[in-house]
């Protein structure tokens, strides 16, 4: 199951809505930033975009760990 599908299965609770929205954004951001990195004009720009990808992937991982700890699925 991908992350977007997983968020659809979270209970509809106000406390989880922020987590649901945040994980949806952080899991799609790396794809978009990777596309930008591939078309970078310089090595520095490429490195910067790839660092953003890594940060977003780490954020997604932390959000998934939170969901696991909460045992809401």
Protein backbone atom coordinates (compact mmCIF):
# COMPACT_ATOMS: atom_id res chain seq x y z
CA UNK A 1 0.00 0.00 0.00
CA UNK A 2 1.39 3.40 -0.87
CA UNK A 3 1.49 6.26 1.60
CA UNK A 4 -1.38 8.22 0.03
CA UNK A 5 -3.63 5.16 0.21
CA UNK A 6 -2.54 4.60 3.79
CA UNK A 7 -3.64 8.10 4.82
CA UNK A 8 -7.13 7.39 3.46
CA UNK A 9 -7.43 4.57 5.98
CA UNK A 10 -6.62 6.73 9.00
CA UNK A 11 -9.54 7.28 11.37
CA UNK A 12 -11.40 10.52 10.71
CA UNK A 13 -10.32 12.30 13.88
CA UNK A 14 -9.44 15.96 14.16
CA UNK A 15 -6.19 15.10 15.93
CA UNK A 16 -5.07 12.97 12.97
CA UNK A 17 -6.07 15.40 10.20
CA UNK A 18 -2.87 17.44 10.52
CA UNK A 19 -0.77 14.29 10.37
CA UNK A 20 -2.75 13.07 7.37
CA UNK A 21 -2.28 16.34 5.49
CA UNK A 22 1.40 16.63 6.37
CA UNK A 23 2.29 13.10 5.33
CA UNK A 24 0.42 13.55 2.04
CA UNK A 25 2.54 16.61 1.28
CA UNK A 26 5.86 15.18 2.46
CA UNK A 27 5.49 11.92 0.52
CA UNK A 28 4.76 13.65 -2.80
CA UNK A 29 7.33 16.41 -2.50
CA UNK A 30 10.41 14.24 -3.24
CA UNK A 31 9.05 13.29 -6.67
CA UNK A 32 8.51 16.91 -7.60
CA UNK A 33 11.87 18.04 -6.27
CA UNK A 34 13.63 15.17 -8.02
CA UNK A 35 12.15 16.35 -11.33
CA UNK A 36 13.54 19.81 -10.57
CA UNK A 37 16.94 18.34 -9.63
CA UNK A 38 17.22 16.44 -12.91
CA UNK A 39 16.80 19.68 -14.84
CA UNK A 40 19.17 21.66 -12.62
CA UNK A 41 21.49 24.15 -14.29
CA UNK A 42 24.40 23.51 -11.94
CA UNK A 43 25.79 20.91 -9.57
CA UNK A 44 24.97 23.19 -6.65
CA UNK A 45 21.33 23.46 -7.72
CA UNK A 46 21.15 19.68 -8.20
CA UNK A 47 22.61 19.07 -4.74
CA UNK A 48 20.21 21.54 -3.16
CA UNK A 49 17.15 19.91 -4.74
CA UNK A 50 18.34 16.43 -3.79
CA UNK A 51 18.85 17.58 -0.20
CA UNK A 52 15.23 18.73 -0.17
CA UNK A 53 14.19 15.28 -1.42
CA UNK A 54 16.11 13.64 1.40
CA UNK A 55 14.59 15.92 4.05
CA UNK A 56 11.07 15.22 2.80
CA UNK A 57 11.69 11.47 2.75
CA UNK A 58 12.96 11.65 6.33
CA UNK A 59 9.87 13.62 7.34
CA UNK A 60 7.64 11.00 5.72
CA UNK A 61 9.49 8.27 7.58
CA UNK A 62 8.97 10.04 10.91
CA UNK A 63 5.27 10.50 10.14
CA UNK A 64 4.94 6.79 9.36
CA UNK A 65 6.65 5.96 12.65
CA UNK A 66 4.18 8.21 14.48
CA UNK A 67 1.26 6.41 12.82
CA UNK A 68 2.77 3.07 13.79
CA UNK A 69 3.25 4.18 17.40
CA UNK A 70 -0.31 5.50 17.61
CA UNK A 71 -1.63 2.13 16.40
CA UNK A 72 -4.45 3.79 14.50
CA UNK A 73 -4.36 1.33 11.59
